[in-house]
Amino acid sequence: MMQSKNSVLILVLFAVMIGLVVGSAYATTENFTVPLESEVTRSLSLHKNDRVSVGFSVVGESAKDFNFYVTDPNGDIILYHERAGQESLCFLAEMTGTYVLHFDNSHSSESKMVTLNYDIEHFIMGMPQEMFLVLVIVGVLIAAIAAFTMMEKP
């Protein structure tokens, strides 16, 4: 009876830890329209050393008059792509704060449809958050198994 309670406890602990790892990933996909002669922005709240992967595609008669750039929390441009019809890029947050993705259609005479995909990878102690949490889970499970094994011995 004691062994089945221990097994259930280990399974519950494992399920909670897996839920934490799965819940830590942050990815977004969205579609939006950038009206003619205007700009649309998306803000990202980032921590220092977060890695951001961005991919987007622009649909319209002409993508050559569409620009994309990223500004850091100080308002400085850290990435700039002119005539950006379809791009895949990555950047590393050098400071904590709000980074802004700018979709600039200000030199166009038509609206553009944009499909945006991005994901943010957080780092803890120099390693991706997911890997850190997996190592924590493994450590906790090993400690739990060792404790339960020691409790069962007479």
Protein backbone atom coordinates (compact mmCIF):
# COMPACT_ATOMS: atom_id res chain seq x y z
CA MET A 1 0.00 0.00 0.00
CA MET A 2 2.84 2.40 0.90
CA GLN A 3 4.60 1.70 -2.40
CA SER A 4 1.47 2.61 -4.46
CA LYS A 5 1.14 5.93 -2.56
CA ASN A 6 4.79 6.67 -3.31
CA SER A 7 4.29 5.84 -6.98
CA VAL A 8 1.26 8.13 -7.20
CA LEU A 9 3.20 10.93 -5.50
CA ILE A 10 6.09 10.55 -7.94
CA LEU A 11 3.71 10.59 -10.92
CA VAL A 12 1.94 13.72 -9.66
CA LEU A 13 5.28 15.44 -9.05
CA PHE A 14 6.46 14.47 -12.54
CA ALA A 15 3.21 15.76 -14.14
CA VAL A 16 3.53 19.12 -12.35
CA MET A 17 7.16 19.51 -13.44
CA ILE A 18 6.35 18.64 -17.06
CA GLY A 19 3.54 21.21 -16.96
CA LEU A 20 6.04 23.85 -15.87
CA VAL A 21 8.38 23.04 -18.74
CA VAL A 22 5.62 23.02 -21.35
CA GLY A 23 4.17 26.25 -19.99
CA SER A 24 7.51 28.04 -20.18
CA ALA A 25 7.67 28.22 -23.96
CA TYR A 26 6.37 31.43 -25.47
CA ALA A 27 5.49 31.57 -29.14
CA THR A 28 3.07 33.75 -31.06
CA THR A 29 1.56 33.66 -34.52
CA GLU A 30 -0.73 36.35 -35.80
CA ASN A 31 -2.02 37.98 -38.95
CA PHE A 32 -2.68 41.69 -39.21
CA THR A 33 -3.06 44.44 -41.79
CA VAL A 34 -0.71 47.39 -42.05
CA PRO A 35 -2.73 50.24 -43.60
CA LEU A 36 -1.26 52.26 -46.43
CA GLU A 37 1.15 55.03 -45.45
CA SER A 38 1.30 53.87 -41.81
CA GLU A 39 3.16 51.69 -39.34
CA VAL A 40 2.04 48.90 -37.00
CA THR A 41 4.08 47.84 -33.98
CA ARG A 42 4.24 44.86 -31.65
CA SER A 43 5.88 45.21 -28.23
CA LEU A 44 7.87 42.44 -26.56
CA SER A 45 8.75 42.55 -22.87
CA LEU A 46 12.15 40.87 -22.67
CA HIS A 47 14.77 40.09 -20.06
CA LYS A 48 18.48 40.46 -20.61
CA ASN A 49 19.85 37.55 -22.72
CA ASP A 50 16.43 36.46 -24.03
CA ARG A 51 16.74 35.19 -27.59
CA VAL A 52 13.97 36.15 -30.00
CA SER A 53 13.33 34.43 -33.34
CA VAL A 54 11.12 36.40 -35.72
CA GLY A 55 9.68 35.35 -39.05
CA PHE A 56 7.18 37.24 -41.13
CA SER A 57 5.84 37.50 -44.65
CA VAL A 58 4.14 40.43 -46.34
CA VAL A 59 1.31 40.02 -48.83
CA GLY A 60 0.46 42.82 -51.21
CA GLU A 61 0.97 44.00 -54.78
CA SER A 62 4.46 45.15 -53.94
CA ALA A 63 6.53 44.23 -50.91
CA LYS A 64 9.48 46.35 -52.04
CA ASP A 65 8.13 49.43 -50.28
CA PHE A 66 7.73 47.70 -46.89
CA ASN A 67 10.35 48.11 -44.14
CA PHE A 68 10.87 46.30 -40.87
CA TYR A 69 12.95 47.31 -37.89
CA VAL A 70 13.39 46.54 -34.19
CA THR A 71 14.05 49.08 -31.46
CA ASP A 72 15.49 48.39 -28.03
CA PRO A 73 14.21 49.84 -24.71
CA ASN A 74 16.24 53.02 -25.35
CA GLY A 75 14.53 53.51 -28.73
CA ASP A 76 17.68 52.65 -30.69
CA ILE A 77 17.27 50.65 -33.89
CA ILE A 78 19.03 47.29 -33.47
CA LEU A 79 17.82 45.64 -36.70
CA TYR A 80 16.66 47.19 -39.94
CA HIS A 81 15.43 45.45 -43.10
CA GLU A 82 14.52 47.56 -46.09
CA ARG A 83 12.18 46.13 -48.74
CA ALA A 84 11.30 43.29 -46.42
CA GLY A 85 8.83 40.96 -48.10
CA GLN A 86 9.74 37.83 -46.19
CA GLU A 87 12.27 37.64 -43.39
CA SER A 88 13.57 35.24 -40.75
CA LEU A 89 15.87 36.70 -38.14
CA CYS A 90 17.03 36.39 -34.55
CA PHE A 91 18.25 38.85 -31.97
CA LEU A 92 19.48 38.76 -28.41
CA ALA A 93 18.10 41.18 -25.83
CA GLU A 94 21.11 43.04 -24.46
CA MET A 95 19.05 44.65 -21.68
CA THR A 96 15.76 44.10 -19.88
CA GLY A 97 12.86 46.16 -21.18
CA THR A 98 10.37 46.58 -24.00
CA TYR A 99 11.58 45.88 -27.52
CA VAL A 100 9.35 47.00 -30.38
CA LEU A 101 8.86 45.33 -33.77
CA HIS A 102 8.00 47.98 -36.38
CA PHE A 103 6.17 47.07 -39.58
CA ASP A 104 6.56 50.19 -41.70
CA ASN A 105 4.26 50.65 -44.69
CA SER A 106 4.61 54.45 -44.74
CA HIS A 107 5.99 54.59 -48.30
CA SER A 108 3.24 52.49 -49.86
CA SER A 109 -0.01 53.32 -51.58
CA GLU A 110 -1.66 50.05 -50.55
CA SER A 111 -2.38 48.10 -47.38
CA LYS A 112 -0.32 45.01 -46.66
CA MET A 113 -1.28 41.79 -44.87
CA VAL A 114 1.45 40.51 -42.54
CA THR A 115 1.80 37.03 -41.06
CA LEU A 116 4.08 37.19 -38.03
CA ASN A 117 5.63 34.32 -36.07
CA TYR A 118 7.97 34.84 -33.16
CA ASP A 119 9.14 32.96 -30.14
CA ILE A 120 11.08 34.03 -27.10
CA GLU A 121 13.62 31.77 -25.44
CA HIS A 122 14.50 32.68 -21.85
CA PHE A 123 17.86 31.79 -20.32
CA ILE A 124 18.63 30.89 -16.68
CA MET A 125 22.25 30.66 -15.57
CA GLY A 126 23.42 30.69 -19.19
CA MET A 127 21.21 27.84 -20.41
CA PRO A 128 17.79 27.79 -22.06
CA GLN A 129 14.99 27.90 -19.50
CA GLU A 130 13.54 24.61 -20.74
CA MET A 131 16.85 22.79 -20.27
CA PHE A 132 17.30 24.31 -16.80
CA LEU A 133 13.81 23.17 -15.76
CA VAL A 134 14.42 19.66 -17.12
CA LEU A 135 17.60 19.43 -15.04
CA VAL A 136 15.67 20.63 -11.97
CA ILE A 137 12.95 18.03 -12.63
CA VAL A 138 15.50 15.24 -13.00
CA GLY A 139 17.22 16.31 -9.77
CA VAL A 140 13.94 16.47 -7.84
CA LEU A 141 12.85 13.07 -9.17
CA ILE A 142 16.18 11.46 -8.24
CA ALA A 143 15.94 12.97 -4.75
CA ALA A 144 12.31 11.81 -4.38
CA ILE A 145 13.11 8.27 -5.50
CA ALA A 146 16.11 8.15 -3.13
CA ALA A 147 13.95 9.40 -0.23
CA PHE A 148 11.16 6.92 -0.92
CA THR A 149 13.66 4.07 -1.25
CA MET A 150 15.25 4.95 2.08
CA MET A 151 11.83 5.23 3.80
CA GLU A 152 10.81 1.73 2.66
CA LYS A 153 13.90 0.04 4.12
CA PRO A 154 13.40 -1.34 7.65
